[in-house]
């Protein structure tokens, strides 16, 4: 199962080990799901996670190590076209393009409404981390 992960989910996973965002990272670590990345998305992850005060409990080295590991478990997708603008926030267009191009099963974000109504035009499932975990568990029941 391939998913595109919004930066806010990655950030939440590094802030708390008790939420759905962290559980998704654990599934990635167990290789039960595969995140899809692009070079621009990795640059966004890096820029946001390194913002002063966002992750005060982690050093720059620890953040970089995490990102390197995350990238090593991810499938890279190149995007050769742009559909922009489709969404209200142009930064979210990058995620939409990545999810559609890679045929991702889900785009996981804490801001589902930011992807509406544009994502519906592509038949893309945009869900919160909690909704994704419920769907994952249901699809993996014996």
Protein backbone atom coordinates (compact mmCIF):
# COMPACT_ATOMS: atom_id res chain seq x y z
CA UNK A 1 0.00 0.00 0.00
CA UNK A 2 1.42 3.36 -1.02
CA UNK A 3 0.62 6.63 0.70
CA UNK A 4 1.65 10.25 0.41
CA UNK A 5 2.24 11.87 3.79
CA UNK A 6 1.66 15.56 4.34
CA UNK A 7 4.36 17.40 6.25
CA UNK A 8 2.00 18.05 9.16
CA UNK A 9 1.67 14.29 9.73
CA UNK A 10 5.43 13.77 9.73
CA UNK A 11 5.84 16.65 12.17
CA UNK A 12 3.13 15.26 14.48
CA UNK A 13 4.80 11.83 14.44
CA UNK A 14 8.03 13.36 15.72
CA UNK A 15 6.28 15.43 18.38
CA UNK A 16 4.37 12.59 20.03
CA UNK A 17 4.70 8.83 20.13
CA UNK A 18 1.12 8.32 21.24
CA UNK A 19 -0.87 9.41 18.19
CA UNK A 20 -2.00 8.03 14.87
CA UNK A 21 0.77 9.89 13.01
CA UNK A 22 3.43 8.00 14.97
CA UNK A 23 1.59 4.71 14.39
CA UNK A 24 1.82 5.34 10.64
CA UNK A 25 5.59 5.84 10.92
CA UNK A 26 5.77 2.53 12.79
CA UNK A 27 3.92 0.81 9.93
CA UNK A 28 6.45 2.30 7.52
CA UNK A 29 9.31 1.08 9.70
CA UNK A 30 7.74 -2.41 9.65
CA UNK A 31 7.48 -2.10 5.85
CA UNK A 32 3.75 -2.69 5.94
CA UNK A 33 3.11 0.51 3.99
CA UNK A 34 5.30 2.49 1.62
CA UNK A 35 5.42 6.27 1.54
CA UNK A 36 5.83 7.99 -1.80
CA UNK A 37 8.13 10.99 -1.96
CA UNK A 38 9.43 13.46 -4.48
CA UNK A 39 12.49 15.68 -4.30
CA UNK A 40 10.39 18.82 -3.67
CA UNK A 41 8.48 17.05 -0.88
CA UNK A 42 11.71 15.98 0.82
CA UNK A 43 12.92 19.59 0.65
CA UNK A 44 9.66 20.69 2.29
CA UNK A 45 9.98 18.05 5.01
CA UNK A 46 13.51 19.20 5.72
CA UNK A 47 12.62 22.90 5.76
CA UNK A 48 9.65 22.47 8.10
CA UNK A 49 11.22 19.96 10.49
CA UNK A 50 14.25 22.22 10.92
CA UNK A 51 12.21 25.30 11.84
CA UNK A 52 13.31 26.68 15.16
CA UNK A 53 11.07 25.55 17.98
CA UNK A 54 9.13 22.91 16.03
CA UNK A 55 11.07 19.93 17.42
CA UNK A 56 13.08 21.30 20.34
CA UNK A 57 13.73 17.82 21.74
CA UNK A 58 15.59 16.74 18.57
CA UNK A 59 18.97 17.90 17.29
CA UNK A 60 19.58 18.84 13.68
CA UNK A 61 21.55 15.61 13.30
CA UNK A 62 18.67 13.52 14.68
CA UNK A 63 16.19 15.15 12.29
CA UNK A 64 18.53 14.58 9.34
CA UNK A 65 19.05 10.95 10.36
CA UNK A 66 15.30 10.42 10.56
CA UNK A 67 14.75 12.02 7.14
CA UNK A 68 17.49 9.89 5.58
CA UNK A 69 15.93 6.75 7.04
CA UNK A 70 12.44 7.81 5.96
CA UNK A 71 13.69 8.44 2.42
CA UNK A 72 15.36 5.03 2.34
CA UNK A 73 11.99 3.37 3.03
CA UNK A 74 10.14 5.49 0.47
CA UNK A 75 9.39 5.14 -3.21
CA UNK A 76 10.54 8.15 -5.22
CA UNK A 77 8.16 9.47 -7.84
CA UNK A 78 9.22 12.00 -10.43
CA UNK A 79 6.65 14.46 -11.65
CA UNK A 80 6.95 15.64 -15.23
CA UNK A 81 3.95 17.95 -15.32
CA UNK A 82 2.09 20.46 -13.18
CA UNK A 83 -1.67 20.87 -12.87
CA UNK A 84 -1.46 23.97 -10.74
CA UNK A 85 -3.44 25.62 -9.45
CA UNK A 86 -6.07 23.10 -8.39
CA UNK A 87 -6.26 23.69 -4.65
CA UNK A 88 -6.58 26.88 -2.63
CA UNK A 89 -3.08 26.47 -1.12
CA UNK A 90 -0.52 26.08 -3.88
CA UNK A 91 1.80 24.19 -1.50
CA UNK A 92 -0.81 21.43 -1.31
CA UNK A 93 -0.87 21.10 -5.10
CA UNK A 94 2.56 19.43 -4.89
CA UNK A 95 1.10 16.67 -2.69
CA UNK A 96 -1.93 16.25 -4.92
CA UNK A 97 0.27 15.90 -8.01
CA UNK A 98 2.48 13.36 -6.25
CA UNK A 99 -0.44 11.27 -5.03
CA UNK A 100 -2.17 11.21 -8.42
CA UNK A 101 1.02 10.56 -10.41
CA UNK A 102 2.12 7.71 -8.14
CA UNK A 103 -1.37 6.19 -7.97
CA UNK A 104 -1.09 6.35 -4.18
CA UNK A 105 -3.79 4.58 -2.25
CA UNK A 106 -4.14 7.49 0.20
CA UNK A 107 -2.97 11.02 0.86
CA UNK A 108 -2.69 11.35 4.64
CA UNK A 109 -3.01 14.81 6.18
CA UNK A 110 -4.33 16.59 9.25
CA UNK A 111 -5.93 19.15 6.91
CA UNK A 112 -8.32 17.12 4.77
CA UNK A 113 -10.46 20.16 3.94
CA UNK A 114 -7.46 21.85 2.28
CA UNK A 115 -7.65 19.18 -0.44
CA UNK A 116 -11.34 19.58 -1.17
CA UNK A 117 -12.90 19.80 -3.65
CA UNK A 118 -9.85 19.44 -5.97
CA UNK A 119 -8.85 15.95 -4.85
CA UNK A 120 -12.32 14.58 -5.58
CA UNK A 121 -11.80 15.34 -9.27
CA UNK A 122 -9.00 12.74 -9.28
CA UNK A 123 -10.73 10.08 -7.19
CA UNK A 124 -8.05 10.43 -4.53
CA UNK A 125 -8.72 9.31 -0.96
CA UNK A 126 -7.59 12.10 1.36
CA UNK A 127 -7.81 11.05 5.00
CA UNK A 128 -6.59 11.96 8.47
CA UNK A 129 -4.02 9.71 10.16
CA UNK A 130 -6.76 8.18 12.32
CA UNK A 131 -8.98 7.47 9.31
CA UNK A 132 -6.04 5.90 7.51
CA UNK A 133 -5.26 3.59 10.44
CA UNK A 134 -8.89 2.43 10.60
CA UNK A 135 -8.92 1.72 6.86
CA UNK A 136 -5.55 -0.05 7.09
CA UNK A 137 -6.72 -2.27 9.93
CA UNK A 138 -9.96 -3.13 8.14
CA UNK A 139 -8.10 -4.07 4.95
CA UNK A 140 -5.65 -6.27 6.89
CA UNK A 141 -8.12 -8.29 8.95
CA UNK A 142 -8.04 -12.06 8.42
